[in-house]
C-alpha atoms as a PDB file:
ATOM      1  CA  MET A   1     -32.171  -4.892-110.598  1.00  0.00           C
ATOM      2  CA  LYS A   2     -29.378  -3.667-108.114  1.00  0.00           C
ATOM      3  CA  LYS A   3     -28.835  -0.110-107.023  1.00  0.00           C
ATOM      4  CA  LYS A   4     -25.465  -0.019-108.733  1.00  0.00           C
ATOM      5  CA  GLN A   5     -26.851  -1.157-112.032  1.00  0.00           C
ATOM      6  CA  LYS A   6     -29.620   1.510-111.774  1.00  0.00           C
ATOM      7  CA  VAL A   7     -26.988   4.014-111.053  1.00  0.00           C
ATOM      8  CA  ASP A   8     -24.852   2.904-113.880  1.00  0.00           C
ATOM      9  CA  ILE A   9     -27.803   2.913-116.483  1.00  0.00           C
ATOM     10  CA  THR A  10     -28.757   6.333-115.259  1.00  0.00           C
ATOM     11  CA  ILE A  11     -25.350   7.713-115.729  1.00  0.00           C
ATOM     12  CA  SER A  12     -24.916   6.191-119.084  1.00  0.00           C
ATOM     13  CA  LEU A  13     -28.080   7.571-120.430  1.00  0.00           C
ATOM     14  CA  ILE A  14     -27.024  11.106-119.068  1.00  0.00           C
ATOM     15  CA  LEU A  15     -23.780  10.776-121.025  1.00  0.00           C
ATOM     16  CA  ILE A  16     -25.871   9.726-124.064  1.00  0.00           C
ATOM     17  CA  LEU A  17     -27.928  12.748-123.796  1.00  0.00           C
ATOM     18  CA  ILE A  18     -25.038  14.959-123.350  1.00  0.00           C
ATOM     19  CA  GLY A  19     -23.285  13.484-126.279  1.00  0.00           C
ATOM     20  CA  SER A  20     -26.321  13.988-128.474  1.00  0.00           C
ATOM     21  CA  LEU A  21     -26.533  17.674-127.378  1.00  0.00           C
ATOM     22  CA  ILE A  22     -22.881  18.275-128.323  1.00  0.00           C
ATOM     23  CA  LEU A  23     -23.361  16.770-131.537  1.00  0.00           C
ATOM     24  CA  ILE A  24     -26.156  19.624-132.581  1.00  0.00           C
ATOM     25  CA  LEU A  25     -23.887  22.339-131.323  1.00  0.00           C
ATOM     26  CA  PRO A  26     -22.524  23.173-134.709  1.00  0.00           C
ATOM     27  CA  ILE A  27     -26.171  23.801-136.010  1.00  0.00           C
ATOM     28  CA  PHE A  28     -25.966  26.746-133.953  1.00  0.00           C
ATOM     29  CA  ASN A  29     -22.543  27.719-134.985  1.00  0.00           C
ATOM     30  CA  TYR A  30     -20.895  27.043-131.577  1.00  0.00           C
ATOM     31  CA  ASP A  31     -17.227  26.468-131.965  1.00  0.00           C
ATOM     32  CA  ASN A  32     -15.477  27.481-128.546  1.00  0.00           C
ATOM     33  CA  ILE A  33     -13.880  24.007-128.190  1.00  0.00           C
ATOM     34  CA  LEU A  34     -11.775  25.052-125.063  1.00  0.00           C
ATOM     35  CA  PHE A  35     -14.580  26.111-123.286  1.00  0.00           C
ATOM     36  CA  LEU A  36     -16.613  22.871-124.179  1.00  0.00           C
ATOM     37  CA  SER A  37     -13.621  20.525-123.155  1.00  0.00           C
ATOM     38  CA  ILE A  38     -13.667  22.397-119.693  1.00  0.00           C
ATOM     39  CA  ILE A  39     -17.494  21.690-119.407  1.00  0.00           C
ATOM     40  CA  ILE A  40     -17.126  18.018-120.350  1.00  0.00           C
ATOM     41  CA  TYR A  41     -14.238  17.388-117.669  1.00  0.00           C
ATOM     42  CA  THR A  42     -16.468  19.294-115.097  1.00  0.00           C
ATOM     43  CA  ILE A  43     -19.443  17.213-116.173  1.00  0.00           C
ATOM     44  CA  TYR A  44     -17.504  13.997-115.809  1.00  0.00           C
ATOM     45  CA  THR A  45     -15.983  14.934-112.541  1.00  0.00           C
ATOM     46  CA  ILE A  46     -19.374  15.735-111.037  1.00  0.00           C
ATOM     47  CA  ILE A  47     -20.695  12.458-112.419  1.00  0.00           C
ATOM     48  CA  GLY A  48     -18.035  10.547-110.994  1.00  0.00           C
ATOM     49  CA  ALA A  49     -18.518  12.189-107.593  1.00  0.00           C
ATOM     50  CA  ILE A  50     -22.048  11.396-107.519  1.00  0.00           C
ATOM     51  CA  LYS A  51     -21.550   7.852-108.595  1.00  0.00           C
ATOM     52  CA  PHE A  52     -19.024   7.565-105.938  1.00  0.00           C
ATOM     53  CA  LEU A  53     -21.171   9.074-103.080  1.00  0.00           C
ATOM     54  CA  ILE A  54     -24.130   7.096-104.101  1.00  0.00           C
ATOM     55  CA  LEU A  55     -22.238   3.766-104.561  1.00  0.00           C
ATOM     56  CA  LYS A  56     -19.497   4.241-101.633  1.00  0.00           C
ATOM     57  CA  ASP A  57     -21.203   1.430 -99.266  1.00  0.00           C
ATOM     58  CA  THR A  58     -20.989  -1.196-102.144  1.00  0.00           C
ATOM     59  CA  LYS A  59     -16.982  -1.089-102.379  1.00  0.00           C
ATOM     60  CA  ASP A  60     -17.265   0.223-106.030  1.00  0.00           C
ATOM     61  CA  ILE A  61     -14.956   3.173-106.062  1.00  0.00           C
ATOM     62  CA  GLU A  62     -14.751   3.515-110.029  1.00  0.00           C
ATOM     63  CA  GLY A  63     -16.830   7.013-109.547  1.00  0.00           C
ATOM     64  CA  LEU A  64     -13.672   8.036-107.352  1.00  0.00           C
ATOM     65  CA  TYR A  65     -11.153   6.887-110.203  1.00  0.00           C
ATOM     66  CA  ILE A  66     -13.383   8.909-112.761  1.00  0.00           C
ATOM     67  CA  THR A  67     -13.648  12.082-110.583  1.00  0.00           C
ATOM     68  CA  ILE A  68      -9.626  12.002-110.191  1.00  0.00           C
ATOM     69  CA  SER A  69      -9.095  11.151-113.831  1.00  0.00           C
ATOM     70  CA  SER A  70     -11.376  13.968-114.991  1.00  0.00           C
ATOM     71  CA  ILE A  71     -10.274  16.703-112.408  1.00  0.00           C
ATOM     72  CA  ILE A  72      -6.449  16.384-113.750  1.00  0.00           C
ATOM     73  CA  PRO A  73      -7.363  17.441-117.332  1.00  0.00           C
ATOM     74  CA  LEU A  74      -9.883  20.111-116.236  1.00  0.00           C
ATOM     75  CA  ILE A  75      -7.140  21.804-113.940  1.00  0.00           C
ATOM     76  CA  ILE A  76      -4.600  21.372-116.782  1.00  0.00           C
ATOM     77  CA  SER A  77      -7.057  23.078-119.297  1.00  0.00           C
ATOM     78  CA  VAL A  78      -7.914  25.926-116.782  1.00  0.00           C
ATOM     79  CA  ILE A  79      -4.367  26.524-115.945  1.00  0.00           C
ATOM     80  CA  THR A  80      -2.722  26.294-119.337  1.00  0.00           C
ATOM     81  CA  LYS A  81      -5.755  27.489-121.423  1.00  0.00           C
ATOM     82  CA  PRO A  82      -4.428  25.532-124.615  1.00  0.00           C
ATOM     83  CA  ASP A  83      -4.986  27.622-127.638  1.00  0.00           C
ATOM     84  CA  THR A  84      -4.357  25.079-130.474  1.00  0.00           C
ATOM     85  CA  PRO A  85      -6.309  22.007-131.385  1.00  0.00           C
ATOM     86  CA  ARG A  86      -3.144  19.870-130.847  1.00  0.00           C
ATOM     87  CA  LYS A  87      -2.877  21.156-127.273  1.00  0.00           C
ATOM     88  CA  ILE A  88      -6.586  20.423-126.660  1.00  0.00           C
ATOM     89  CA  ALA A  89      -6.139  16.860-128.267  1.00  0.00           C
ATOM     90  CA  LEU A  90      -2.984  16.227-126.078  1.00  0.00           C
ATOM     91  CA  ILE A  91      -5.077  17.034-123.021  1.00  0.00           C
ATOM     92  CA  LEU A  92      -7.797  14.815-124.256  1.00  0.00           C
ATOM     93  CA  GLY A  93      -5.255  12.230-124.730  1.00  0.00           C
ATOM     94  CA  ILE A  94      -4.262  12.444-121.253  1.00  0.00           C
ATOM     95  CA  TRP A  95      -7.917  12.116-120.180  1.00  0.00           C
ATOM     96  CA  ILE A  96      -8.501   9.108-122.125  1.00  0.00           C
ATOM     97  CA  MET A  97      -5.438   7.438-120.703  1.00  0.00           C
ATOM     98  CA  LEU A  98      -6.588   8.166-116.982  1.00  0.00           C
ATOM     99  CA  ILE A  99     -10.148   6.920-117.784  1.00  0.00           C
ATOM    100  CA  SER A 100      -8.776   3.760-119.358  1.00  0.00           C
ATOM    101  CA  ILE A 101      -6.549   3.160-116.359  1.00  0.00           C
ATOM    102  CA  SER A 102      -9.505   3.467-114.011  1.00  0.00           C
ATOM    103  CA  LYS A 103     -11.524   1.069-116.290  1.00  0.00           C
ATOM    104  CA  LEU A 104      -8.563  -1.397-116.235  1.00  0.00           C
ATOM    105  CA  LYS A 105      -8.774  -1.209-112.645  1.00  0.00           C
ATOM    106  CA  LYS A 106     -12.484  -2.367-112.559  1.00  0.00           C
ATOM    107  CA  ILE A 107     -11.462  -5.093-115.146  1.00  0.00           C
ATOM    108  CA  ASP A 108      -9.069  -6.333-112.590  1.00  0.00           C
ATOM    109  CA  TYR A 109     -11.639  -6.185-110.136  1.00  0.00           C
ATOM    110  CA  TYR A 110     -13.846  -8.513-112.269  1.00  0.00           C
ATOM    111  CA  HIS A 111     -10.944 -10.877-112.823  1.00  0.00           C
ATOM    112  CA  ASP A 112     -10.013 -11.330-109.280  1.00  0.00           C
ATOM    113  CA  ARG A 113     -13.486 -12.327-108.536  1.00  0.00           C
ATOM    114  CA  HIS A 114     -13.740 -14.758-111.345  1.00  0.00           C
ATOM    115  CA  ASP A 115     -16.408 -13.029-112.957  1.00  0.00           C
ATOM    116  CA  ARG A 116     -17.218 -13.446-116.471  1.00  0.00           C
ATOM    117  CA  MET A 117     -17.887  -9.675-116.899  1.00  0.00           C
ATOM    118  CA  TRP A 118     -14.045  -9.065-117.237  1.00  0.00           C
ATOM    119  CA  LYS A 119     -14.114 -10.536-120.788  1.00  0.00           C
ATOM    120  CA  ILE A 120     -16.807  -8.098-121.808  1.00  0.00           C
ATOM    121  CA  ARG A 121     -15.320  -4.993-119.969  1.00  0.00           C
ATOM    122  CA  THR A 122     -11.848  -5.526-121.519  1.00  0.00           C
ATOM    123  CA  PHE A 123     -13.625  -5.564-125.256  1.00  0.00           C
ATOM    124  CA  ILE A 124     -15.441  -2.414-123.961  1.00  0.00           C
ATOM    125  CA  LEU A 125     -12.202  -0.836-122.964  1.00  0.00           C
ATOM    126  CA  GLY A 126     -10.616  -1.511-126.207  1.00  0.00           C
ATOM    127  CA  LEU A 127     -13.459   0.087-128.211  1.00  0.00           C
ATOM    128  CA  PHE A 128     -13.376   3.090-125.763  1.00  0.00           C
ATOM    129  CA  ILE A 129      -9.683   3.417-126.443  1.00  0.00           C
ATOM    130  CA  LEU A 130      -9.834   2.823-130.249  1.00  0.00           C
ATOM    131  CA  VAL A 131     -12.721   5.429-130.789  1.00  0.00           C
ATOM    132  CA  SER A 132     -11.455   7.871-128.021  1.00  0.00           C
ATOM    133  CA  LEU A 133      -7.647   7.906-129.726  1.00  0.00           C
ATOM    134  CA  LEU A 134      -9.228   8.126-133.246  1.00  0.00           C
ATOM    135  CA  SER A 135     -11.307  10.903-132.168  1.00  0.00           C
ATOM    136  CA  SER A 136      -8.303  12.630-130.304  1.00  0.00           C
ATOM    137  CA  ILE A 137      -6.141  12.258-133.396  1.00  0.00           C
ATOM    138  CA  ASN A 138      -8.840  13.787-135.686  1.00  0.00           C
ATOM    139  CA  LEU A 139      -8.990  16.634-133.075  1.00  0.00           C
ATOM    140  CA  ALA A 140      -5.501  17.409-133.330  1.00  0.00           C
ATOM    141  CA  PHE A 141      -5.684  18.224-136.843  1.00  0.00           C
ATOM    142  CA  THR A 142      -9.231  19.922-136.984  1.00  0.00           C
ATOM    143  CA  ASN A 143     -10.977  22.235-134.483  1.00  0.00           C
ATOM    144  CA  GLU A 144     -14.618  20.314-134.330  1.00  0.00           C
ATOM    145  CA  VAL A 145     -16.626  20.592-131.420  1.00  0.00           C
ATOM    146  CA  VAL A 146     -18.325  17.471-132.646  1.00  0.00           C
ATOM    147  CA  ILE A 147     -15.576  15.346-131.582  1.00  0.00           C
ATOM    148  CA  PHE A 148     -16.223  15.751-128.057  1.00  0.00           C
ATOM    149  CA  GLY A 149     -19.794  14.694-128.727  1.00  0.00           C
ATOM    150  CA  TYR A 150     -18.693  11.527-130.568  1.00  0.00           C
ATOM    151  CA  ILE A 151     -16.618  10.468-127.466  1.00  0.00           C
ATOM    152  CA  THR A 152     -19.425  11.227-124.901  1.00  0.00           C
ATOM    153  CA  LEU A 153     -21.864   9.482-126.953  1.00  0.00           C
ATOM    154  CA  THR A 154     -19.930   6.497-127.365  1.00  0.00           C
ATOM    155  CA  HIS A 155     -18.648   6.303-124.093  1.00  0.00           C
ATOM    156  CA  GLY A 156     -22.377   6.466-122.984  1.00  0.00           C
ATOM    157  CA  ILE A 157     -23.347   3.685-125.274  1.00  0.00           C
ATOM    158  CA  LEU A 158     -20.448   1.673-124.077  1.00  0.00           C
ATOM    159  CA  GLU A 159     -21.193   1.984-120.560  1.00  0.00           C
ATOM    160  CA  LEU A 160     -24.748   1.029-120.967  1.00  0.00           C
ATOM    161  CA  PHE A 161     -23.566  -2.454-122.117  1.00  0.00           C
ATOM    162  CA  ASP A 162     -22.244  -3.284-118.446  1.00  0.00           C
ATOM    163  CA  PRO A 163     -25.324  -2.979-116.295  1.00  0.00           C
ATOM    164  CA  ILE A 164     -27.626  -4.576-119.016  1.00  0.00           C
ATOM    165  CA  LEU A 165     -25.528  -7.409-119.536  1.00  0.00           C
ATOM    166  CA  LYS A 166     -24.920  -7.916-115.956  1.00  0.00           C
ATOM    167  CA  THR A 167     -28.733  -7.967-115.379  1.00  0.00           C
ATOM    168  CA  LEU A 168     -29.216 -10.400-118.370  1.00  0.00           C
ATOM    169  CA  ILE A 169     -26.533 -12.796-116.890  1.00  0.00           C
ATOM    170  CA  ASN A 170     -27.955 -12.686-113.289  1.00  0.00           C
ATOM    171  CA  HIS A 171     -31.396 -13.454-114.805  1.00  0.00           C
ATOM    172  CA  ALA A 172     -30.506 -16.205-116.957  1.00  0.00           C
END
């Protein structure tokens, strides 16, 4: 297994763990969704920066794109301090759009190299957009902390497919 695949699996497992932890927050009556959104954007910024720094010699700059895509809604959230679920959902929608653009760039990279993974990444991107938009719409009408858990958990699971399938394709 290559270094990039190990890093991708580790990051996916971290996202799954974070998503699972967020899903249990309502048990402890935690409901500060603004603070949680800022924490999520910060975590994604840090994870993207670490991924970029570890993989910078492999010409994979997806980590840089994720860092930039996550720092923009982080700055917007800190500056505007959204007070309604709709404003938080709007910022979440901006973040989803930016992350999707970075994933689309990765799909284009695979397509240009005539790698079969572009079809799988396109399917994963479609699922990510669908789940994230539905969660964002749900967040606009309810102030639920659990929604960030669903998005993070789903994102971690979807990101886990890429390195596992790449390993299986290379060893087949």
